[in-house]
């Protein structure tokens, strides 16, 4: 590893946004380890990016997080950059119709995993004066009708980001949250389909509203998120910490449109 190369850990890093982040870090010469719940995604990643190491695991489970850090420390010894990327969309439903099991699963994946991973990472980040990036959402900047569980987890993510920035800052650790808008790819298409079904309108109508809420009328690209992370974790971002940074083309607050 060169003097400028860093050891990077990315949760949900074998596909989607996480994989784009992993490949961007690799292209910068960093050593990259991903954790992912999908054996298929990890297998594909290994075949196509053999320099990226991996752990198969569910970070919403504490024992599997413990095993992740055993494997990571065995490979690299130090942690310079943590990207808490794992997350699920959760239920799309009115408050009274949310299944409590769906609520619990969303909080487990989107919030509890953030705590489980970060508590294990904190001593390593203190030692390296490293960086933590937490994937929030612009849903954490305003209300999000029919997405209570997701909004709750993402608002909490910003609260933890600001709290941990204050706790870890004296040790030289920077902690920031990213708040993307709708990101191009299969995940947003799934969200659009569920939203369309819930509201009884076409997917095209939902997609149009999502895009019109963005002042630039476009979806975010995963590569833009990756490049923001690289900036924040570089010397150029050395005084940026405790921030919730939108990457959303100035998206307006969501509302009960189509009324």
Protein backbone atom coordinates (compact mmCIF):
# COMPACT_ATOMS: atom_id res chain seq x y z
CA UNK A 1 0.00 0.00 0.00
CA UNK A 2 1.37 3.43 -0.96
CA UNK A 3 1.63 6.36 1.44
CA UNK A 4 -1.62 7.79 0.07
CA UNK A 5 -3.54 4.49 -0.18
CA UNK A 6 -6.10 3.73 2.49
CA UNK A 7 -7.95 0.68 3.78
CA UNK A 8 -11.66 1.01 3.06
CA UNK A 9 -14.63 -0.97 4.42
CA UNK A 10 -17.98 -0.67 2.65
CA UNK A 11 -21.19 -2.34 3.81
CA UNK A 12 -23.57 -3.55 1.09
CA UNK A 13 -20.60 -3.08 -1.21
CA UNK A 14 -20.94 -5.93 -3.71
CA UNK A 15 -23.60 -4.40 -5.94
CA UNK A 16 -25.45 -1.18 -6.72
CA UNK A 17 -24.22 2.06 -5.19
CA UNK A 18 -21.87 0.20 -2.86
CA UNK A 19 -20.06 -1.50 -5.71
CA UNK A 20 -19.65 1.79 -7.57
CA UNK A 21 -18.10 3.27 -4.41
CA UNK A 22 -15.84 0.23 -4.02
CA UNK A 23 -14.61 0.44 -7.61
CA UNK A 24 -14.00 4.19 -7.33
CA UNK A 25 -11.90 3.63 -4.20
CA UNK A 26 -9.99 0.82 -5.90
CA UNK A 27 -9.29 3.07 -8.88
CA UNK A 28 -7.69 5.55 -6.45
CA UNK A 29 -5.29 2.84 -5.29
CA UNK A 30 -7.04 2.08 -2.01
CA UNK A 31 -7.41 -1.38 -0.51
CA UNK A 32 -11.10 -2.21 -0.45
CA UNK A 33 -13.12 -4.72 1.56
CA UNK A 34 -16.87 -5.10 1.19
CA UNK A 35 -19.48 -6.84 3.28
CA UNK A 36 -22.66 -7.98 1.60
CA UNK A 37 -25.62 -10.23 2.36
CA UNK A 38 -25.75 -11.61 -1.19
CA UNK A 39 -23.48 -14.55 -1.99
CA UNK A 40 -24.31 -14.12 -5.66
CA UNK A 41 -23.27 -10.46 -5.70
CA UNK A 42 -20.02 -11.28 -3.90
CA UNK A 43 -19.26 -14.09 -6.34
CA UNK A 44 -19.78 -11.76 -9.30
CA UNK A 45 -17.64 -9.06 -7.68
CA UNK A 46 -14.80 -11.51 -6.99
CA UNK A 47 -14.82 -12.66 -10.61
CA UNK A 48 -14.79 -9.13 -12.00
CA UNK A 49 -12.75 -7.29 -9.34
CA UNK A 50 -10.39 -9.83 -7.74
CA UNK A 51 -8.46 -7.15 -5.83
CA UNK A 52 -11.54 -6.30 -3.74
CA UNK A 53 -11.84 -8.58 -0.72
CA UNK A 54 -15.16 -9.48 0.86
CA UNK A 55 -17.14 -10.94 3.72
CA UNK A 56 -20.54 -12.56 3.34
CA UNK A 57 -22.70 -11.33 6.19
CA UNK A 58 -25.78 -9.50 7.48
CA UNK A 59 -24.69 -6.40 9.38
CA UNK A 60 -28.06 -6.13 11.10
CA UNK A 61 -26.85 -9.10 13.22
CA UNK A 62 -24.24 -8.33 15.88
CA UNK A 63 -22.43 -11.67 15.72
CA UNK A 64 -21.96 -11.33 11.98
CA UNK A 65 -20.61 -7.80 12.43
CA UNK A 66 -18.12 -9.18 14.95
CA UNK A 67 -17.00 -11.78 12.41
CA UNK A 68 -16.70 -9.10 9.74
CA UNK A 69 -14.20 -7.20 11.86
CA UNK A 70 -12.23 -10.34 12.67
CA UNK A 71 -11.81 -10.93 8.94
CA UNK A 72 -11.15 -7.28 8.09
CA UNK A 73 -8.49 -6.79 10.76
CA UNK A 74 -6.86 -10.06 9.74
CA UNK A 75 -6.52 -8.78 6.19
CA UNK A 76 -5.59 -5.14 6.72
CA UNK A 77 -4.90 -4.41 10.37
CA UNK A 78 -6.12 -0.83 10.12
CA UNK A 79 -9.22 1.00 8.94
CA UNK A 80 -8.99 4.40 7.29
CA UNK A 81 -12.42 4.83 5.68
CA UNK A 82 -15.74 3.31 6.71
CA UNK A 83 -18.74 3.66 4.40
CA UNK A 84 -21.99 2.63 6.10
CA UNK A 85 -23.92 2.04 2.91
CA UNK A 86 -26.33 -0.78 3.76
CA UNK A 87 -30.02 0.02 3.62
CA UNK A 88 -33.45 -1.12 2.48
CA UNK A 89 -36.45 0.89 1.30
CA UNK A 90 -38.80 -0.52 3.92
CA UNK A 91 -42.59 -0.61 3.65
CA UNK A 92 -44.61 1.80 1.52
CA UNK A 93 -47.83 2.19 3.48
CA UNK A 94 -49.97 4.58 5.48
CA UNK A 95 -49.12 4.73 9.17
CA UNK A 96 -52.01 2.53 10.28
CA UNK A 97 -51.23 -0.07 7.61
CA UNK A 98 -47.54 -0.63 8.39
CA UNK A 99 -46.77 -4.18 9.46
CA UNK A 100 -44.72 -3.95 12.69
CA UNK A 101 -42.46 -6.72 11.40
CA UNK A 102 -41.66 -4.59 8.34
CA UNK A 103 -40.97 -1.64 10.63
CA UNK A 104 -38.62 -3.71 12.79
CA UNK A 105 -36.72 -5.09 9.80
CA UNK A 106 -36.22 -1.60 8.34
CA UNK A 107 -34.90 -0.25 11.64
CA UNK A 108 -32.65 -3.30 12.05
CA UNK A 109 -31.07 -2.89 8.61
CA UNK A 110 -31.07 0.88 8.19
CA UNK A 111 -30.30 1.98 11.76
CA UNK A 112 -29.16 -0.81 14.07
CA UNK A 113 -26.54 -1.98 11.56
CA UNK A 114 -25.12 1.56 11.54
CA UNK A 115 -24.58 1.31 15.28
CA UNK A 116 -23.25 -2.26 15.24
CA UNK A 117 -20.67 -1.54 12.54
CA UNK A 118 -19.64 1.92 13.76
CA UNK A 119 -19.06 0.85 17.36
CA UNK A 120 -16.59 -1.77 16.16
CA UNK A 121 -14.99 0.62 13.70
CA UNK A 122 -14.53 3.52 16.13
CA UNK A 123 -11.30 2.31 17.81
CA UNK A 124 -9.74 1.58 14.42
CA UNK A 125 -10.74 4.98 13.03
CA UNK A 126 -9.34 6.70 16.12
CA UNK A 127 -6.03 4.94 15.56
CA UNK A 128 -5.84 5.99 11.91
CA UNK A 129 -7.51 9.41 12.24
CA UNK A 130 -9.86 8.12 9.61
CA UNK A 131 -13.21 8.98 8.09
CA UNK A 132 -16.73 7.63 8.46
CA UNK A 133 -19.35 8.18 5.79
CA UNK A 134 -22.97 7.33 6.63
CA UNK A 135 -25.46 6.92 3.82
CA UNK A 136 -28.55 8.86 4.81
CA UNK A 137 -31.03 10.22 2.25
CA UNK A 138 -32.72 13.47 1.39
CA UNK A 139 -35.70 11.77 3.08
CA UNK A 140 -33.84 12.77 6.25
CA UNK A 141 -34.27 16.44 5.40
CA UNK A 142 -38.08 16.59 5.31
CA UNK A 143 -41.13 14.36 5.77
CA UNK A 144 -41.69 11.38 3.50
CA UNK A 145 -45.35 10.30 3.32
CA UNK A 146 -45.98 6.53 3.24
CA UNK A 147 -42.34 5.79 4.15
CA UNK A 148 -42.34 6.20 7.93
CA UNK A 149 -39.79 3.51 8.79
CA UNK A 150 -37.28 4.65 6.18
CA UNK A 151 -37.64 8.31 7.16
CA UNK A 152 -37.22 7.47 10.85
CA UNK A 153 -34.01 5.54 10.23
CA UNK A 154 -32.52 8.19 7.98
CA UNK A 155 -33.34 11.08 10.31
CA UNK A 156 -31.66 9.06 13.08
CA UNK A 157 -28.64 8.57 10.83
CA UNK A 158 -28.10 12.31 10.67
CA UNK A 159 -28.46 12.63 14.44
CA UNK A 160 -25.87 9.92 14.98
CA UNK A 161 -23.56 11.46 12.40
CA UNK A 162 -23.54 14.79 14.20
CA UNK A 163 -23.16 13.11 17.59
CA UNK A 164 -20.30 10.86 16.50
CA UNK A 165 -18.55 13.76 14.76
CA UNK A 166 -18.50 15.51 18.15
CA UNK A 167 -17.36 12.37 20.00
CA UNK A 168 -14.67 11.30 17.54
CA UNK A 169 -13.50 14.70 16.32
CA UNK A 170 -10.98 15.17 19.16
CA UNK A 171 -9.30 11.97 17.92
CA UNK A 172 -8.97 13.34 14.39
CA UNK A 173 -11.90 11.34 12.97
CA UNK A 174 -14.30 13.00 10.55
CA UNK A 175 -17.91 11.78 10.29
CA UNK A 176 -20.31 12.91 7.59
CA UNK A 177 -23.64 11.80 6.16
CA UNK A 178 -24.61 11.87 2.51
CA UNK A 179 -28.21 12.60 1.55
CA UNK A 180 -28.76 11.49 -2.04
CA UNK A 181 -31.99 12.03 -3.86
CA UNK A 182 -33.35 9.37 -6.19
CA UNK A 183 -30.40 7.40 -7.57
CA UNK A 184 -30.62 5.80 -11.00
CA UNK A 185 -30.75 2.01 -10.91
CA UNK A 186 -32.82 -1.01 -9.93
CA UNK A 187 -33.49 0.15 -6.38
CA UNK A 188 -35.30 3.35 -7.32
CA UNK A 189 -37.24 1.47 -9.98
CA UNK A 190 -38.44 -0.93 -7.25
CA UNK A 191 -39.44 2.01 -5.03
CA UNK A 192 -41.30 3.63 -7.93
CA UNK A 193 -43.19 0.40 -8.63
CA UNK A 194 -44.24 0.05 -4.98
CA UNK A 195 -45.25 3.71 -4.76
CA UNK A 196 -47.29 3.42 -7.95
CA UNK A 197 -49.09 0.34 -6.64
CA UNK A 198 -49.84 2.00 -3.29
CA UNK A 199 -51.22 5.17 -4.92
CA UNK A 200 -53.01 3.44 -7.77
CA UNK A 201 -51.25 5.36 -10.54
CA UNK A 202 -48.79 4.46 -13.29
CA UNK A 203 -45.07 4.04 -12.72
CA UNK A 204 -44.49 6.72 -15.35
CA UNK A 205 -46.51 9.20 -13.29
CA UNK A 206 -44.47 8.42 -10.17
CA UNK A 207 -41.17 8.69 -12.04
CA UNK A 208 -42.20 12.04 -13.51
CA UNK A 209 -43.07 13.45 -10.08
CA UNK A 210 -39.79 12.23 -8.59
CA UNK A 211 -37.84 13.93 -11.36
CA UNK A 212 -39.87 17.16 -11.24
CA UNK A 213 -39.10 17.54 -7.53
CA UNK A 214 -35.42 17.86 -8.50
CA UNK A 215 -34.56 21.34 -9.77
CA UNK A 216 -32.27 19.76 -12.39
CA UNK A 217 -34.98 17.24 -13.41
CA UNK A 218 -32.61 14.26 -13.25
CA UNK A 219 -31.83 11.31 -11.01
CA UNK A 220 -28.50 11.15 -9.20
CA UNK A 221 -25.81 8.81 -10.57
CA UNK A 222 -24.00 6.45 -8.20
CA UNK A 223 -20.63 7.65 -9.49
CA UNK A 224 -21.46 11.15 -8.20
CA UNK A 225 -21.92 9.71 -4.72
CA UNK A 226 -18.62 7.83 -4.99
CA UNK A 227 -16.72 10.94 -6.04
CA UNK A 228 -18.19 12.93 -3.14
CA UNK A 229 -16.95 10.27 -0.74
CA UNK A 230 -13.46 10.39 -2.23
CA UNK A 231 -13.43 14.18 -1.81
CA UNK A 232 -14.64 14.08 1.79
CA UNK A 233 -12.01 11.49 2.72
CA UNK A 234 -9.18 13.36 0.99
CA UNK A 235 -7.02 16.14 2.45
CA UNK A 236 -9.28 18.62 0.64
CA UNK A 237 -12.11 17.62 3.00
CA UNK A 238 -10.09 17.78 6.19
CA UNK A 239 -12.33 20.43 7.81
CA UNK A 240 -15.66 18.94 6.80
CA UNK A 241 -17.26 16.92 9.59
CA UNK A 242 -20.66 16.52 11.20
CA UNK A 243 -22.41 17.49 7.97
CA UNK A 244 -25.48 16.11 6.20
CA UNK A 245 -24.60 16.75 2.57
CA UNK A 246 -27.38 16.60 -0.03
CA UNK A 247 -26.58 15.14 -3.44
CA UNK A 248 -30.03 15.66 -4.87
CA UNK A 249 -30.12 18.53 -7.36
CA UNK A 250 -31.96 20.62 -4.75
CA UNK A 251 -34.91 18.29 -4.40
CA UNK A 252 -38.01 19.84 -2.86
CA UNK A 253 -39.76 18.21 0.08
CA UNK A 254 -41.99 15.30 -0.78
CA UNK A 255 -45.71 15.71 -0.27
CA UNK A 256 -49.01 13.97 -0.82
CA UNK A 257 -49.10 14.88 -4.49
CA UNK A 258 -51.65 13.60 -6.99
CA UNK A 259 -54.40 14.57 -4.56
